[in-house]
Amino acid sequence: MSIKFSVAQLPNPFKPDEAARFYAKAQVREKINLNRIARELGGRSSLEENDILSVLYGLIANIKGHLSDGDMVDLGDFGRFQYQLSSDGAVSFDALVQSPRLYIRDARIRFRPGKLLKSSLQDLDFENVVSVKTREESRKAEREQY
């Protein structure tokens, strides 16, 4: 499998006096939505696309409900979902407990891939491509010519 990347020159915000360095940025080939996944799965099973969509939306609703209850959702070799918080340090335990919104900056859903997805990271190749932003700008310029 080949991961597409572009090169971005970025300054170090902590060391503005240093010269900018070049970094690899993963590039997306295409955005795949839930309907397409259901259609592809339907083509490989005895289930209809709508049945698969129903199951996938049910799965999403169940995951959301369990996360809201404070659970970690473990889908085996696929991976695990759980909430993760970022907060500022409070001067005391009581300050944080009494006013959590003052200290908690961000809540995110963290996904930890399981064995099935992690195995895709083995034997990777890398291919330099034009960034999505550059491709979009090029297409826009072409359309404006006509």
N, C-alpha and C. Protein backbone atom coordinates (compact mmCIF):
# COMPACT_ATOMS: atom_id res chain seq x y z
N MET A 1 0.84 -1.18 0.00
CA MET A 1 0.00 0.00 0.00
C MET A 1 0.88 1.24 0.00
N SER A 2 0.46 2.25 -0.72
CA SER A 2 1.23 3.47 -0.84
C SER A 2 0.45 4.63 -0.21
N ILE A 3 1.09 5.32 0.70
CA ILE A 3 0.49 6.52 1.30
C ILE A 3 0.99 7.72 0.51
N LYS A 4 0.03 8.51 0.06
CA LYS A 4 0.36 9.72 -0.70
C LYS A 4 0.66 10.84 0.27
N PHE A 5 1.71 11.62 -0.06
CA PHE A 5 2.04 12.76 0.80
C PHE A 5 2.49 13.93 -0.05
N SER A 6 2.32 15.11 0.51
CA SER A 6 2.87 16.32 -0.10
C SER A 6 3.89 16.88 0.88
N VAL A 7 4.64 17.85 0.41
CA VAL A 7 5.68 18.45 1.23
C VAL A 7 5.27 19.88 1.56
N ALA A 8 5.35 20.20 2.85
CA ALA A 8 5.02 21.55 3.31
C ALA A 8 6.21 22.13 4.05
N GLN A 9 6.53 23.37 3.74
CA GLN A 9 7.59 24.07 4.45
C GLN A 9 6.95 24.88 5.57
N LEU A 10 7.33 24.57 6.82
CA LEU A 10 6.70 25.19 7.97
C LEU A 10 7.75 25.72 8.95
N PRO A 11 7.51 26.91 9.49
CA PRO A 11 8.42 27.43 10.52
C PRO A 11 8.13 26.77 11.86
N ASN A 12 9.11 26.79 12.73
CA ASN A 12 8.92 26.29 14.08
C ASN A 12 8.37 27.45 14.92
N PRO A 13 7.11 27.36 15.41
CA PRO A 13 6.53 28.48 16.14
C PRO A 13 7.24 28.76 17.46
N PHE A 14 7.96 27.75 17.98
CA PHE A 14 8.68 27.94 19.24
C PHE A 14 10.08 28.52 19.02
N LYS A 15 10.57 28.41 17.78
CA LYS A 15 11.89 28.94 17.43
C LYS A 15 11.80 29.72 16.12
N PRO A 16 11.19 30.90 16.16
CA PRO A 16 10.96 31.66 14.92
C PRO A 16 12.25 32.10 14.23
N ASP A 17 13.37 32.10 14.95
CA ASP A 17 14.63 32.51 14.34
C ASP A 17 15.22 31.42 13.45
N GLU A 18 14.82 30.18 13.66
CA GLU A 18 15.35 29.07 12.85
C GLU A 18 14.68 29.04 11.49
N ALA A 19 15.41 28.52 10.52
CA ALA A 19 14.87 28.38 9.17
C ALA A 19 13.73 27.35 9.18
N ALA A 20 12.76 27.60 8.31
CA ALA A 20 11.64 26.67 8.20
C ALA A 20 12.15 25.32 7.71
N ARG A 21 11.46 24.26 8.09
CA ARG A 21 11.83 22.91 7.67
C ARG A 21 10.72 22.33 6.80
N PHE A 22 11.04 21.23 6.13
CA PHE A 22 10.10 20.57 5.23
C PHE A 22 9.52 19.34 5.91
N TYR A 23 8.18 19.22 5.85
CA TYR A 23 7.48 18.13 6.52
C TYR A 23 6.56 17.41 5.53
N ALA A 24 6.40 16.10 5.75
CA ALA A 24 5.48 15.31 4.95
C ALA A 24 4.07 15.48 5.52
N LYS A 25 3.09 15.68 4.64
CA LYS A 25 1.68 15.80 5.02
C LYS A 25 0.89 14.77 4.23
N ALA A 26 0.20 13.88 4.93
CA ALA A 26 -0.61 12.86 4.25
C ALA A 26 -1.68 13.54 3.39
N GLN A 27 -1.92 13.01 2.20
CA GLN A 27 -2.90 13.57 1.28
C GLN A 27 -4.02 12.57 1.03
N VAL A 28 -5.23 13.06 1.01
CA VAL A 28 -6.41 12.24 0.78
C VAL A 28 -6.66 12.12 -0.71
N ARG A 29 -6.89 10.91 -1.16
CA ARG A 29 -7.21 10.70 -2.58
C ARG A 29 -8.67 11.02 -2.83
N GLU A 30 -9.54 10.53 -1.94
CA GLU A 30 -10.98 10.69 -2.12
C GLU A 30 -11.67 10.55 -0.77
N LYS A 31 -12.75 11.28 -0.58
CA LYS A 31 -13.55 11.17 0.64
C LYS A 31 -14.63 10.12 0.40
N ILE A 32 -14.66 9.08 1.23
CA ILE A 32 -15.62 7.99 1.10
C ILE A 32 -16.68 8.13 2.19
N ASN A 33 -17.95 8.16 1.81
CA ASN A 33 -19.01 8.34 2.80
C ASN A 33 -19.67 7.01 3.17
N LEU A 34 -20.57 7.08 4.14
CA LEU A 34 -21.23 5.89 4.66
C LEU A 34 -22.07 5.19 3.60
N ASN A 35 -22.72 5.97 2.74
CA ASN A 35 -23.53 5.36 1.67
C ASN A 35 -22.67 4.53 0.73
N ARG A 36 -21.51 5.01 0.40
CA ARG A 36 -20.63 4.24 -0.49
C ARG A 36 -20.16 2.96 0.19
N ILE A 37 -19.80 3.07 1.46
CA ILE A 37 -19.39 1.87 2.21
C ILE A 37 -20.52 0.84 2.19
N ALA A 38 -21.76 1.30 2.43
CA ALA A 38 -22.90 0.38 2.44
C ALA A 38 -23.11 -0.24 1.06
N ARG A 39 -22.97 0.55 0.02
CA ARG A 39 -23.13 0.03 -1.34
C ARG A 39 -22.06 -1.03 -1.65
N GLU A 40 -20.82 -0.75 -1.26
CA GLU A 40 -19.73 -1.71 -1.50
C GLU A 40 -19.94 -2.99 -0.70
N LEU A 41 -20.36 -2.86 0.56
CA LEU A 41 -20.63 -4.04 1.37
C LEU A 41 -21.80 -4.84 0.82
N GLY A 42 -22.82 -4.13 0.33
CA GLY A 42 -23.97 -4.80 -0.25
C GLY A 42 -23.59 -5.62 -1.48
N GLY A 43 -22.61 -5.16 -2.21
CA GLY A 43 -22.15 -5.89 -3.38
C GLY A 43 -21.38 -7.15 -3.04
N ARG A 44 -20.96 -7.27 -1.79
CA ARG A 44 -20.18 -8.44 -1.36
C ARG A 44 -20.91 -9.32 -0.36
N SER A 45 -22.21 -9.07 -0.20
CA SER A 45 -22.96 -9.87 0.77
C SER A 45 -24.38 -10.10 0.27
N SER A 46 -25.14 -10.83 1.04
CA SER A 46 -26.54 -11.08 0.67
C SER A 46 -27.46 -9.99 1.19
N LEU A 47 -26.90 -9.01 1.90
CA LEU A 47 -27.70 -7.92 2.46
C LEU A 47 -27.86 -6.80 1.44
N GLU A 48 -28.97 -6.09 1.55
CA GLU A 48 -29.21 -4.92 0.70
C GLU A 48 -28.53 -3.71 1.31
N GLU A 49 -28.25 -2.73 0.45
CA GLU A 49 -27.59 -1.50 0.89
C GLU A 49 -28.33 -0.83 2.04
N ASN A 50 -29.67 -0.76 1.96
CA ASN A 50 -30.46 -0.12 3.02
C ASN A 50 -30.36 -0.86 4.34
N ASP A 51 -30.28 -2.20 4.29
CA ASP A 51 -30.12 -2.98 5.52
C ASP A 51 -28.79 -2.67 6.17
N ILE A 52 -27.76 -2.58 5.36
CA ILE A 52 -26.42 -2.29 5.88
C ILE A 52 -26.38 -0.88 6.46
N LEU A 53 -26.98 0.08 5.76
CA LEU A 53 -27.03 1.46 6.28
C LEU A 53 -27.76 1.49 7.63
N SER A 54 -28.83 0.75 7.74
CA SER A 54 -29.58 0.70 8.99
C SER A 54 -28.71 0.18 10.13
N VAL A 55 -27.96 -0.87 9.86
CA VAL A 55 -27.07 -1.43 10.88
C VAL A 55 -25.97 -0.43 11.24
N LEU A 56 -25.39 0.22 10.23
CA LEU A 56 -24.31 1.18 10.50
C LEU A 56 -24.82 2.38 11.31
N TYR A 57 -25.99 2.91 10.96
CA TYR A 57 -26.54 4.02 11.73
C TYR A 57 -26.90 3.57 13.15
N GLY A 58 -27.38 2.34 13.28
CA GLY A 58 -27.65 1.81 14.62
C GLY A 58 -26.38 1.69 15.44
N LEU A 59 -25.30 1.23 14.79
CA LEU A 59 -24.01 1.13 15.47
C LEU A 59 -23.54 2.50 15.95
N ILE A 60 -23.65 3.49 15.08
CA ILE A 60 -23.24 4.85 15.44
C ILE A 60 -24.06 5.36 16.63
N ALA A 61 -25.37 5.14 16.59
CA ALA A 61 -26.23 5.59 17.69
C ALA A 61 -25.86 4.89 19.00
N ASN A 62 -25.58 3.60 18.93
CA ASN A 62 -25.19 2.86 20.14
C ASN A 62 -23.85 3.35 20.67
N ILE A 63 -22.89 3.57 19.79
CA ILE A 63 -21.58 4.08 20.22
C ILE A 63 -21.77 5.43 20.91
N LYS A 64 -22.54 6.30 20.27
CA LYS A 64 -22.78 7.63 20.85
C LYS A 64 -23.42 7.52 22.24
N GLY A 65 -24.40 6.64 22.38
CA GLY A 65 -25.06 6.47 23.67
C GLY A 65 -24.13 5.95 24.75
N HIS A 66 -23.32 4.95 24.39
CA HIS A 66 -22.39 4.41 25.38
C HIS A 66 -21.31 5.42 25.75
N LEU A 67 -20.83 6.18 24.77
CA LEU A 67 -19.84 7.22 25.09
C LEU A 67 -20.45 8.26 26.03
N SER A 68 -21.70 8.65 25.77
CA SER A 68 -22.38 9.62 26.64
C SER A 68 -22.55 9.10 28.06
N ASP A 69 -22.63 7.78 28.20
CA ASP A 69 -22.73 7.17 29.53
C ASP A 69 -21.36 7.05 30.21
N GLY A 70 -20.30 7.42 29.49
CA GLY A 70 -18.96 7.33 30.06
C GLY A 70 -18.26 6.01 29.79
N ASP A 71 -18.80 5.23 28.88
CA ASP A 71 -18.21 3.93 28.56
C ASP A 71 -17.13 4.05 27.50
N MET A 72 -16.22 3.09 27.49
CA MET A 72 -15.32 2.89 26.36
C MET A 72 -15.97 1.82 25.50
N VAL A 73 -16.06 2.06 24.20
CA VAL A 73 -16.67 1.10 23.29
C VAL A 73 -15.55 0.35 22.59
N ASP A 74 -15.47 -0.94 22.86
CA ASP A 74 -14.42 -1.79 22.30
C ASP A 74 -15.03 -2.69 21.23
N LEU A 75 -14.64 -2.47 19.98
CA LEU A 75 -15.14 -3.25 18.86
C LEU A 75 -14.12 -4.29 18.42
N GLY A 76 -13.42 -4.86 19.40
CA GLY A 76 -12.49 -5.95 19.12
C GLY A 76 -11.33 -5.53 18.24
N ASP A 77 -11.07 -6.32 17.22
CA ASP A 77 -9.93 -6.06 16.34
C ASP A 77 -10.11 -4.80 15.49
N PHE A 78 -11.32 -4.27 15.43
CA PHE A 78 -11.53 -3.01 14.70
C PHE A 78 -10.93 -1.84 15.46
N GLY A 79 -11.26 -1.72 16.76
CA GLY A 79 -10.70 -0.64 17.56
C GLY A 79 -11.62 -0.23 18.69
N ARG A 80 -11.18 0.80 19.43
CA ARG A 80 -11.92 1.28 20.61
C ARG A 80 -12.18 2.77 20.50
N PHE A 81 -13.31 3.19 21.05
CA PHE A 81 -13.69 4.60 21.12
C PHE A 81 -13.84 4.99 22.58
N GLN A 82 -13.40 6.20 22.93
CA GLN A 82 -13.65 6.75 24.26
C GLN A 82 -13.47 8.25 24.22
N TYR A 83 -14.06 8.93 25.22
CA TYR A 83 -13.87 10.37 25.32
C TYR A 83 -12.48 10.67 25.87
N GLN A 84 -11.95 11.79 25.43
CA GLN A 84 -10.67 12.29 25.94
C GLN A 84 -10.83 13.77 26.21
N LEU A 85 -10.32 14.24 27.33
CA LEU A 85 -10.43 15.64 27.72
C LEU A 85 -9.07 16.32 27.73
N SER A 86 -9.08 17.61 27.41
CA SER A 86 -7.91 18.46 27.59
C SER A 86 -8.31 19.54 28.58
N SER A 87 -7.47 19.76 29.59
CA SER A 87 -7.84 20.75 30.60
C SER A 87 -6.61 21.51 31.07
N ASP A 88 -6.90 22.68 31.62
CA ASP A 88 -5.87 23.45 32.30
C ASP A 88 -5.79 22.95 33.74
N GLY A 89 -4.66 23.11 34.36
CA GLY A 89 -4.50 22.69 35.74
C GLY A 89 -5.19 23.64 36.70
N ALA A 90 -5.95 23.10 37.60
CA ALA A 90 -6.62 23.90 38.63
C ALA A 90 -5.72 23.96 39.86
N VAL A 91 -5.87 25.01 40.64
CA VAL A 91 -5.04 25.16 41.84
C VAL A 91 -5.43 24.18 42.93
N SER A 92 -6.68 23.65 42.84
CA SER A 92 -7.10 22.67 43.84
C SER A 92 -8.10 21.70 43.23
N PHE A 93 -8.25 20.57 43.88
CA PHE A 93 -9.22 19.55 43.49
C PHE A 93 -10.62 20.16 43.46
N ASP A 94 -10.96 20.87 44.53
CA ASP A 94 -12.30 21.44 44.65
C ASP A 94 -12.59 22.47 43.55
N ALA A 95 -11.60 23.26 43.17
CA ALA A 95 -11.80 24.25 42.11
C ALA A 95 -12.19 23.58 40.81
N LEU A 96 -11.52 22.49 40.49
CA LEU A 96 -11.83 21.76 39.25
C LEU A 96 -13.20 21.10 39.32
N VAL A 97 -13.51 20.46 40.44
CA VAL A 97 -14.78 19.75 40.59
C VAL A 97 -15.95 20.73 40.59
N GLN A 98 -15.79 21.89 41.22
CA GLN A 98 -16.88 22.85 41.33
C GLN A 98 -17.10 23.65 40.05
N SER A 99 -16.05 23.86 39.26
CA SER A 99 -16.16 24.66 38.03
C SER A 99 -15.43 23.99 36.87
N PRO A 100 -15.86 22.81 36.45
CA PRO A 100 -15.13 22.11 35.40
C PRO A 100 -15.06 22.87 34.08
N ARG A 101 -16.08 23.64 33.74
CA ARG A 101 -16.08 24.37 32.47
C ARG A 101 -15.00 25.46 32.42
N LEU A 102 -14.54 25.90 33.57
CA LEU A 102 -13.45 26.87 33.59
C LEU A 102 -12.12 26.25 33.20
N TYR A 103 -11.98 24.95 33.44
CA TYR A 103 -10.70 24.29 33.25
C TYR A 103 -10.66 23.33 32.05
N ILE A 104 -11.77 22.71 31.73
CA ILE A 104 -11.77 21.77 30.61
C ILE A 104 -11.92 22.55 29.32
N ARG A 105 -10.88 22.48 28.48
CA ARG A 105 -10.83 23.23 27.23
C ARG A 105 -11.50 22.50 26.07
N ASP A 106 -11.41 21.17 26.09
CA ASP A 106 -11.81 20.43 24.90
C ASP A 106 -12.20 19.01 25.27
N ALA A 107 -13.23 18.51 24.61
CA ALA A 107 -13.60 17.10 24.73
C ALA A 107 -13.57 16.52 23.32
N ARG A 108 -12.95 15.37 23.18
CA ARG A 108 -12.82 14.72 21.87
C ARG A 108 -13.18 13.26 22.00
N ILE A 109 -13.50 12.67 20.86
CA ILE A 109 -13.67 11.22 20.81
C ILE A 109 -12.36 10.65 20.29
N ARG A 110 -11.77 9.80 21.08
CA ARG A 110 -10.51 9.17 20.69
C ARG A 110 -10.79 7.78 20.14
N PHE A 111 -10.21 7.49 19.00
CA PHE A 111 -10.31 6.16 18.40
C PHE A 111 -8.93 5.53 18.43
N ARG A 112 -8.85 4.34 18.96
CA ARG A 112 -7.61 3.57 18.97
C ARG A 112 -7.80 2.36 18.07
N PRO A 113 -7.12 2.33 16.95
CA PRO A 113 -7.33 1.21 16.03
C PRO A 113 -6.89 -0.12 16.63
N GLY A 114 -7.62 -1.18 16.27
CA GLY A 114 -7.29 -2.53 16.70
C GLY A 114 -6.38 -3.21 15.69
N LYS A 115 -6.19 -4.49 15.88
CA LYS A 115 -5.26 -5.26 15.05
C LYS A 115 -5.59 -5.20 13.57
N LEU A 116 -6.87 -5.26 13.22
CA LEU A 116 -7.25 -5.26 11.81
C LEU A 116 -6.81 -3.99 11.09
N LEU A 117 -6.94 -2.85 11.74
CA LEU A 117 -6.53 -1.60 11.10
C LEU A 117 -5.04 -1.35 11.25
N LYS A 118 -4.48 -1.69 12.40
CA LYS A 118 -3.04 -1.49 12.60
C LYS A 118 -2.21 -2.26 11.60
N SER A 119 -2.72 -3.41 11.18
CA SER A 119 -1.95 -4.21 10.22
C SER A 119 -1.76 -3.49 8.89
N SER A 120 -2.62 -2.49 8.60
CA SER A 120 -2.46 -1.74 7.35
C SER A 120 -1.24 -0.83 7.39
N LEU A 121 -0.64 -0.65 8.56
CA LEU A 121 0.53 0.21 8.69
C LEU A 121 1.84 -0.52 8.37
N GLN A 122 1.74 -1.82 8.15
CA GLN A 122 2.95 -2.59 7.84
C GLN A 122 3.24 -2.53 6.34
N ASP A 123 4.50 -2.58 6.01
CA ASP A 123 4.94 -2.61 4.61
C ASP A 123 4.41 -1.44 3.79
N LEU A 124 4.47 -0.25 4.35
CA LEU A 124 4.00 0.94 3.64
C LEU A 124 5.06 1.46 2.68
N ASP A 125 4.58 2.00 1.58
CA ASP A 125 5.41 2.77 0.67
C ASP A 125 4.88 4.20 0.71
N PHE A 126 5.69 5.14 0.29
CA PHE A 126 5.28 6.54 0.32
C PHE A 126 5.49 7.13 -1.06
N GLU A 127 4.52 7.94 -1.51
CA GLU A 127 4.56 8.54 -2.83
C GLU A 127 4.27 10.03 -2.72
N ASN A 128 5.18 10.84 -3.21
CA ASN A 128 5.01 12.28 -3.18
C ASN A 128 4.02 12.69 -4.27
N VAL A 129 3.01 13.47 -3.88
CA VAL A 129 1.99 13.97 -4.81
C VAL A 129 1.78 15.46 -4.56
N VAL A 130 1.03 16.08 -5.45
CA VAL A 130 0.66 17.48 -5.27
C VAL A 130 -0.41 17.54 -4.18
N SER A 131 -0.36 18.56 -3.35
CA SER A 131 -1.32 18.67 -2.25
C SER A 131 -2.73 18.88 -2.78
N VAL A 132 -3.71 18.52 -1.98
CA VAL A 132 -5.12 18.71 -2.34
C VAL A 132 -5.39 20.19 -2.60
N LYS A 133 -4.85 21.04 -1.77
CA LYS A 133 -5.05 22.49 -1.92
C LYS A 133 -4.52 22.96 -3.27
N THR A 134 -3.34 22.52 -3.65
CA THR A 134 -2.75 22.92 -4.94
C THR A 134 -3.58 22.37 -6.09
N ARG A 135 -4.06 21.12 -5.98
CA ARG A 135 -4.91 20.54 -7.03
C ARG A 135 -6.19 21.34 -7.19
N GLU A 136 -6.81 21.71 -6.08
CA GLU A 136 -8.06 22.47 -6.14
C GLU A 136 -7.84 23.85 -6.75
N GLU A 137 -6.73 24.50 -6.38
CA GLU A 137 -6.41 25.81 -6.95
C GLU A 137 -6.18 25.70 -8.45
N SER A 138 -5.53 24.63 -8.88
CA SER A 138 -5.27 24.41 -10.30
C SER A 138 -6.58 24.20 -11.06
N ARG A 139 -7.48 23.38 -10.50
CA ARG A 139 -8.79 23.15 -11.15
C ARG A 139 -9.59 24.44 -11.23
N LYS A 140 -9.56 25.23 -10.17
CA LYS A 140 -10.28 26.49 -10.15
C LYS A 140 -9.75 27.43 -11.23
N ALA A 141 -8.43 27.50 -11.37
CA ALA A 141 -7.82 28.35 -12.38
C ALA A 141 -8.21 27.88 -13.78
N GLU A 142 -8.26 26.56 -13.99
CA GLU A 142 -8.67 26.03 -15.30
C GLU A 142 -10.11 26.40 -15.63
N ARG A 143 -11.00 26.31 -14.64
CA ARG A 143 -12.41 26.66 -14.86
C ARG A 143 -12.57 28.14 -15.17
N GLU A 144 -11.76 28.96 -14.53
CA GLU A 144 -11.87 30.41 -14.75
C GLU A 144 -11.41 30.82 -16.14
N GLN A 145 -10.57 29.98 -16.77
CA GLN A 145 -10.11 30.28 -18.12
C GLN A 145 -11.24 30.16 -19.15
N TYR A 146 -12.22 29.35 -18.84
CA TYR A 146 -13.30 29.09 -19.81
C TYR A 146 -14.52 29.83 -19.50
